[in-house]
Protein backbone atom coordinates (compact mmCIF):
# COMPACT_ATOMS: atom_id res chain seq x y z
CA MET A 1 106.01 112.09 127.45
CA VAL A 2 104.58 115.34 126.17
CA HIS A 3 105.34 117.02 129.50
CA GLY A 4 109.02 116.06 129.42
CA ARG A 5 108.87 113.47 132.17
CA THR A 6 111.55 110.82 132.30
CA PRO A 7 110.82 107.10 132.12
CA ASP A 8 111.68 106.84 135.83
CA GLN A 9 109.18 109.56 136.69
CA TYR A 10 106.60 107.74 134.58
CA ARG A 11 107.35 104.48 136.40
CA THR A 12 106.83 106.19 139.77
CA SER A 13 103.49 107.64 138.67
CA LEU A 14 102.38 104.37 137.11
CA ARG A 15 103.20 102.47 140.28
CA ALA A 16 101.03 104.87 142.27
CA ILE A 17 98.16 104.35 139.82
CA TYR A 18 98.59 100.58 139.82
CA ASP A 19 98.70 100.57 143.64
CA ARG A 20 95.30 102.28 143.70
CA VAL A 21 93.90 99.83 141.16
CA GLU A 22 95.14 96.89 143.23
CA ALA A 23 93.56 98.44 146.34
CA LEU A 24 90.16 97.93 144.68
CA ASN A 25 90.61 94.23 145.51
CA LEU A 26 89.31 92.99 142.20
CA PRO A 27 89.49 89.24 141.62
CA PRO A 28 93.03 88.08 140.79
CA GLY A 29 93.83 88.24 137.10
CA ARG A 30 90.95 90.61 136.29
CA ILE A 31 92.95 93.77 135.67
CA ALA A 32 94.24 94.83 132.27
CA ALA A 33 96.72 97.52 131.27
CA VAL A 34 96.72 98.98 127.77
CA SER A 35 99.79 100.24 125.94
CA ILE A 36 100.33 103.80 124.82
CA PRO A 37 99.32 104.03 121.17
CA THR A 38 101.87 104.88 118.52
CA TRP A 39 101.46 108.55 117.67
CA SER A 40 104.76 109.39 116.01
CA PHE A 41 102.93 109.65 112.67
CA VAL A 42 100.55 112.45 113.68
CA PRO A 43 101.30 115.98 112.44
CA ALA A 44 101.66 117.30 116.01
CA ALA A 45 104.57 114.89 116.69
CA ALA A 46 106.80 117.59 115.20
CA ASP A 47 105.95 119.76 118.21
CA PHE A 48 107.34 117.09 120.57
CA GLY A 49 110.72 116.42 118.98
CA GLY A 50 109.65 114.82 115.73
CA PRO A 51 108.51 111.36 114.69
CA ASP A 52 111.75 109.54 115.52
CA ARG A 53 111.95 110.91 119.06
CA VAL A 54 108.24 110.35 119.71
CA GLY A 55 108.51 106.79 118.38
CA ARG A 56 111.53 105.97 120.56
CA MET A 57 109.97 107.51 123.67
CA THR A 58 106.69 105.68 123.10
CA GLU A 59 108.60 102.39 122.95
CA VAL A 60 110.52 103.21 126.15
CA PHE A 61 107.41 104.26 128.06
CA ASN A 62 105.51 101.20 126.83
CA GLU A 63 108.29 98.94 128.04
CA VAL A 64 108.05 100.55 131.50
CA ALA A 65 104.27 100.10 131.48
CA ARG A 66 104.50 96.48 130.32
CA GLU A 67 107.10 95.65 132.99
CA GLU A 68 104.99 97.18 135.74
CA ALA A 69 101.79 95.52 134.54
CA THR A 70 103.25 92.05 134.17
CA ALA A 71 105.04 92.32 137.53
CA ARG A 72 101.58 92.70 139.07
CA GLN A 73 100.07 90.01 136.87
CA PHE A 74 97.87 92.48 135.02
CA GLU A 75 96.82 91.43 131.54
CA TRP A 76 98.90 93.46 129.05
CA ILE A 77 97.04 94.62 125.96
CA ASP A 78 99.27 96.02 123.24
CA ILE A 79 97.49 98.36 120.83
CA THR A 80 100.69 99.46 119.06
CA GLU A 81 99.94 97.78 115.74
CA THR A 82 96.28 98.74 115.84
CA SER A 83 97.11 102.39 116.47
CA THR A 84 98.87 102.58 113.11
CA SER A 85 96.63 100.27 111.08
CA GLY A 86 94.42 103.05 109.73
CA ILE A 87 96.92 105.82 109.10
CA GLY A 88 95.56 108.12 106.43
CA SER A 89 91.96 106.99 106.74
CA ARG A 90 89.18 109.39 107.54
CA GLY A 91 88.59 109.92 111.24
CA TRP A 92 91.87 108.30 112.30
CA ILE A 93 93.27 111.51 113.83
CA ALA A 94 91.25 114.18 115.64
CA ALA A 95 91.01 117.75 114.39
CA ASP A 96 93.70 118.86 116.88
CA ARG A 97 96.23 116.83 114.81
CA LEU A 98 97.43 115.06 117.97
CA HIS A 99 94.76 112.85 119.50
CA PRO A 100 93.14 109.77 118.00
CA GLY A 101 89.92 110.19 116.10
CA ASP A 102 86.76 108.18 116.64
CA THR A 103 87.78 105.60 114.04
CA GLN A 104 91.04 104.87 115.85
CA TYR A 105 89.32 104.66 119.23
CA ALA A 106 86.88 102.16 117.75
CA ALA A 107 89.78 100.04 116.47
CA TRP A 108 91.38 100.05 119.91
CA ALA A 109 88.10 99.07 121.51
CA GLU A 110 87.85 96.04 119.23
CA VAL A 111 91.35 94.85 120.18
CA ILE A 112 90.78 95.45 123.87
CA TRP A 113 87.37 93.77 123.84
CA GLU A 114 88.73 90.74 121.95
CA LYS A 115 91.54 90.32 124.50
CA VAL A 116 89.15 90.71 127.43
CA ARG A 117 86.71 88.20 125.92
CA GLU A 118 89.55 85.76 125.14
CA THR A 119 91.12 86.08 128.60
CA TRP A 120 88.08 86.28 130.85
CA GLY A 121 85.37 84.75 128.73
């Protein structure tokens, strides 16, 4: 998104990545895909068209990712809600004003781990 790629270009790239993951021949049902976090609220979103544009594009790209993951029977893990749950709290956004901070990464890890534990025991 930040490089100006279209959703179709993203789909093509994602398919290539997913093809390589499938080539690992992991047991069926043991692959998960994680959504793009919501980042329209970060200060640097202004540099990429503003919060509204970033929010819309994140939704579009996540829909592409979800479609591709579920078509391959990958477990879809949506961290959208989690990525906004700590807005304003210390450590939520990194010093570069764009990337997640350690606190946000930890929140994602909890959601991902819970889904993995629930799905695969």
